[in-house]
């Protein structure tokens, strides 16, 4: 959710685009989960929210996260 709100408020993305970016970030970069879910203002938080999900790390399929970590977040409402 931290990545979603960062994309929504800081990067001024539409809600649907912010959700998509958040889901893909967790999908392609599961190693960032502890940094994104840590205490507010955690040292690595700024680096974690700045990661772009569009690039898959080193092309490794085993680096992807389990679906249960990102698929539960859905957008409810207008979304535009």
N, C-alpha and C. Protein backbone atom coordinates (compact mmCIF):
# COMPACT_ATOMS: atom_id res chain seq x y z
N UNK A 1 0.82 -1.19 0.00
CA UNK A 1 0.00 0.00 0.00
C UNK A 1 0.87 1.26 0.00
N UNK A 2 2.04 1.18 0.61
CA UNK A 2 2.94 2.34 0.62
C UNK A 2 3.34 2.72 -0.80
N UNK A 3 3.65 1.73 -1.60
CA UNK A 3 4.02 1.99 -2.99
C UNK A 3 2.83 2.56 -3.77
N UNK A 4 1.64 2.05 -3.51
CA UNK A 4 0.44 2.54 -4.19
C UNK A 4 0.23 4.03 -3.89
N UNK A 5 0.27 4.39 -2.62
CA UNK A 5 0.04 5.79 -2.27
C UNK A 5 1.18 6.69 -2.74
N UNK A 6 2.38 6.17 -2.77
CA UNK A 6 3.49 6.95 -3.32
C UNK A 6 3.24 7.27 -4.80
N UNK A 7 2.84 6.27 -5.55
CA UNK A 7 2.56 6.48 -6.98
C UNK A 7 1.36 7.41 -7.15
N UNK A 8 0.36 7.27 -6.32
CA UNK A 8 -0.86 8.07 -6.42
C UNK A 8 -0.61 9.53 -6.05
N UNK A 9 0.01 9.78 -4.92
CA UNK A 9 0.16 11.14 -4.41
C UNK A 9 1.45 11.83 -4.87
N UNK A 10 2.56 11.14 -4.80
CA UNK A 10 3.84 11.77 -5.14
C UNK A 10 4.03 11.84 -6.66
N UNK A 11 3.79 10.73 -7.33
CA UNK A 11 3.99 10.68 -8.79
C UNK A 11 2.75 11.09 -9.58
N UNK A 12 1.67 11.41 -8.87
CA UNK A 12 0.43 11.92 -9.49
C UNK A 12 -0.14 11.01 -10.58
N UNK A 13 -0.10 9.71 -10.34
CA UNK A 13 -0.67 8.76 -11.30
C UNK A 13 -2.15 8.56 -11.01
N UNK A 14 -2.86 8.14 -12.03
CA UNK A 14 -4.26 7.76 -11.87
C UNK A 14 -4.31 6.54 -10.94
N UNK A 15 -5.41 6.33 -10.20
CA UNK A 15 -5.48 5.20 -9.27
C UNK A 15 -5.19 3.84 -9.91
N UNK A 16 -5.73 3.59 -11.08
CA UNK A 16 -5.50 2.30 -11.72
C UNK A 16 -4.03 2.11 -12.11
N UNK A 17 -3.40 3.15 -12.60
CA UNK A 17 -1.99 3.09 -12.97
C UNK A 17 -1.11 2.92 -11.73
N UNK A 18 -1.49 3.59 -10.63
CA UNK A 18 -0.74 3.47 -9.39
C UNK A 18 -0.83 2.05 -8.83
N UNK A 19 -2.00 1.46 -8.90
CA UNK A 19 -2.17 0.08 -8.43
C UNK A 19 -1.36 -0.88 -9.28
N UNK A 20 -1.41 -0.71 -10.58
CA UNK A 20 -0.66 -1.58 -11.49
C UNK A 20 0.84 -1.49 -11.21
N UNK A 21 1.35 -0.29 -11.06
CA UNK A 21 2.77 -0.09 -10.76
C UNK A 21 3.14 -0.76 -9.43
N UNK A 22 2.27 -0.63 -8.44
CA UNK A 22 2.52 -1.23 -7.13
C UNK A 22 2.55 -2.75 -7.21
N UNK A 23 1.59 -3.32 -7.90
CA UNK A 23 1.53 -4.77 -8.03
C UNK A 23 2.76 -5.30 -8.77
N UNK A 24 3.13 -4.65 -9.85
CA UNK A 24 4.29 -5.11 -10.61
C UNK A 24 5.59 -4.95 -9.84
N UNK A 25 5.68 -3.91 -9.04
CA UNK A 25 6.88 -3.73 -8.23
C UNK A 25 7.06 -4.89 -7.26
N UNK A 26 5.98 -5.26 -6.56
CA UNK A 26 6.06 -6.38 -5.63
C UNK A 26 6.29 -7.69 -6.38
N UNK A 27 5.69 -7.83 -7.54
CA UNK A 27 5.84 -9.05 -8.34
C UNK A 27 7.28 -9.25 -8.80
N UNK A 28 7.88 -8.20 -9.34
CA UNK A 28 9.23 -8.31 -9.87
C UNK A 28 10.33 -8.09 -8.84
N UNK A 29 10.01 -7.45 -7.73
CA UNK A 29 11.02 -7.14 -6.72
C UNK A 29 10.58 -7.56 -5.32
N UNK A 30 10.40 -8.84 -5.08
CA UNK A 30 9.94 -9.28 -3.76
C UNK A 30 10.93 -8.94 -2.64
N UNK A 31 12.18 -8.70 -2.98
CA UNK A 31 13.17 -8.35 -1.97
C UNK A 31 12.90 -6.98 -1.34
N UNK A 32 12.02 -6.19 -1.96
CA UNK A 32 11.69 -4.86 -1.42
C UNK A 32 10.56 -4.90 -0.39
N UNK A 33 9.90 -6.02 -0.24
CA UNK A 33 8.76 -6.10 0.68
C UNK A 33 9.11 -5.66 2.09
N UNK A 34 10.21 -6.12 2.68
CA UNK A 34 10.53 -5.66 4.05
C UNK A 34 10.75 -4.15 4.13
N UNK A 35 11.34 -3.57 3.09
CA UNK A 35 11.59 -2.13 3.10
C UNK A 35 10.29 -1.34 2.95
N UNK A 36 9.35 -1.86 2.17
CA UNK A 36 8.08 -1.16 1.96
C UNK A 36 7.12 -1.32 3.13
N UNK A 37 7.27 -2.38 3.90
CA UNK A 37 6.34 -2.63 5.00
C UNK A 37 6.91 -2.28 6.36
N UNK A 38 8.13 -1.79 6.39
CA UNK A 38 8.78 -1.45 7.65
C UNK A 38 8.17 -0.21 8.29
N UNK A 39 8.83 0.25 9.32
CA UNK A 39 8.36 1.44 10.03
C UNK A 39 8.38 2.65 9.11
N UNK A 40 7.50 3.59 9.38
CA UNK A 40 7.45 4.81 8.59
C UNK A 40 8.80 5.52 8.68
N UNK A 41 9.29 5.94 7.54
CA UNK A 41 10.56 6.65 7.51
C UNK A 41 11.76 5.73 7.61
N UNK A 42 11.56 4.44 7.37
CA UNK A 42 12.66 3.49 7.42
C UNK A 42 13.75 3.92 6.42
N UNK A 43 15.01 3.65 6.72
CA UNK A 43 16.11 4.12 5.87
C UNK A 43 16.01 3.74 4.40
N UNK A 44 15.51 2.57 4.09
CA UNK A 44 15.46 2.11 2.70
C UNK A 44 14.11 2.38 2.03
N UNK A 45 13.17 3.00 2.73
CA UNK A 45 11.84 3.21 2.19
C UNK A 45 11.88 4.06 0.93
N UNK A 46 12.61 5.15 0.94
CA UNK A 46 12.67 6.03 -0.22
C UNK A 46 13.23 5.31 -1.45
N UNK A 47 14.21 4.47 -1.24
CA UNK A 47 14.77 3.70 -2.35
C UNK A 47 13.76 2.67 -2.86
N UNK A 48 13.02 2.08 -1.94
CA UNK A 48 12.07 1.04 -2.32
C UNK A 48 10.90 1.60 -3.13
N UNK A 49 10.37 2.75 -2.74
CA UNK A 49 9.25 3.31 -3.49
C UNK A 49 9.69 3.89 -4.83
N UNK A 50 10.97 4.17 -4.97
CA UNK A 50 11.48 4.74 -6.22
C UNK A 50 11.71 3.69 -7.30
N UNK A 51 11.67 2.43 -6.95
CA UNK A 51 11.92 1.36 -7.93
C UNK A 51 10.81 1.33 -8.97
N UNK A 52 11.19 1.22 -10.21
CA UNK A 52 10.23 1.12 -11.30
C UNK A 52 9.99 -0.36 -11.60
N UNK A 53 8.75 -0.73 -11.77
CA UNK A 53 8.39 -2.13 -11.96
C UNK A 53 8.50 -2.57 -13.40
N UNK A 54 8.73 -1.66 -14.31
CA UNK A 54 8.69 -2.01 -15.73
C UNK A 54 9.87 -2.89 -16.16
N UNK A 55 10.91 -2.95 -15.37
CA UNK A 55 12.07 -3.75 -15.74
C UNK A 55 12.18 -4.96 -14.83
N UNK A 56 12.19 -6.11 -15.43
CA UNK A 56 12.33 -7.33 -14.65
C UNK A 56 13.80 -7.51 -14.29
N UNK A 57 14.12 -7.78 -13.03
CA UNK A 57 15.52 -7.87 -12.61
C UNK A 57 16.23 -9.08 -13.20
N UNK A 58 17.24 -8.84 -13.96
CA UNK A 58 18.14 -9.85 -14.52
C UNK A 58 17.43 -11.00 -15.24
N UNK A 59 16.19 -10.83 -15.62
CA UNK A 59 15.47 -11.83 -16.39
C UNK A 59 15.23 -13.14 -15.67
N UNK A 60 15.37 -13.18 -14.36
CA UNK A 60 15.20 -14.43 -13.61
C UNK A 60 13.75 -14.60 -13.20
N UNK A 61 13.17 -15.71 -13.59
CA UNK A 61 11.78 -15.98 -13.22
C UNK A 61 11.66 -16.35 -11.74
N UNK A 62 12.72 -16.91 -11.15
CA UNK A 62 12.64 -17.30 -9.75
C UNK A 62 12.68 -16.11 -8.80
N UNK A 63 12.93 -14.92 -9.33
CA UNK A 63 12.97 -13.71 -8.50
C UNK A 63 11.58 -13.11 -8.30
N UNK A 64 10.58 -13.68 -8.93
CA UNK A 64 9.22 -13.13 -8.81
C UNK A 64 8.57 -13.57 -7.51
N UNK A 65 7.69 -12.70 -7.01
CA UNK A 65 7.04 -13.02 -5.74
C UNK A 65 5.80 -13.88 -5.96
N UNK A 66 5.37 -14.48 -4.89
CA UNK A 66 4.17 -15.30 -4.91
C UNK A 66 2.95 -14.38 -5.10
N UNK A 67 1.99 -14.86 -5.85
CA UNK A 67 0.79 -14.09 -6.16
C UNK A 67 0.07 -13.60 -4.90
N UNK A 68 0.10 -14.37 -3.84
CA UNK A 68 -0.63 -14.00 -2.62
C UNK A 68 -0.10 -12.72 -1.99
N UNK A 69 1.10 -12.28 -2.36
CA UNK A 69 1.68 -11.08 -1.78
C UNK A 69 1.20 -9.79 -2.45
N UNK A 70 0.66 -9.88 -3.66
CA UNK A 70 0.25 -8.65 -4.35
C UNK A 70 -1.15 -8.69 -4.93
N UNK A 71 -1.71 -9.84 -5.17
CA UNK A 71 -2.98 -9.94 -5.88
C UNK A 71 -4.20 -9.58 -5.04
N UNK A 72 -4.06 -9.52 -3.75
CA UNK A 72 -5.22 -9.21 -2.91
C UNK A 72 -5.62 -7.74 -2.98
N UNK A 73 -4.72 -6.90 -3.43
CA UNK A 73 -5.04 -5.47 -3.51
C UNK A 73 -5.76 -5.18 -4.80
N UNK A 74 -6.96 -4.67 -4.66
CA UNK A 74 -7.79 -4.33 -5.83
C UNK A 74 -8.31 -2.91 -5.66
N UNK A 75 -8.63 -2.30 -6.77
CA UNK A 75 -9.14 -0.94 -6.75
C UNK A 75 -10.66 -1.00 -6.76
N UNK A 76 -11.27 -0.30 -5.85
CA UNK A 76 -12.71 -0.26 -5.77
C UNK A 76 -13.18 1.17 -6.00
N UNK A 77 -14.10 1.34 -6.89
CA UNK A 77 -14.58 2.68 -7.17
C UNK A 77 -14.31 3.07 -8.61
N UNK A 78 -14.29 4.36 -8.87
CA UNK A 78 -14.16 4.88 -10.23
C UNK A 78 -12.83 4.49 -10.86
N UNK A 79 -11.73 4.75 -10.20
CA UNK A 79 -10.44 4.37 -10.74
C UNK A 79 -9.91 5.24 -11.86
N UNK A 80 -10.56 6.38 -12.11
CA UNK A 80 -10.01 7.27 -13.13
C UNK A 80 -9.69 8.62 -12.55
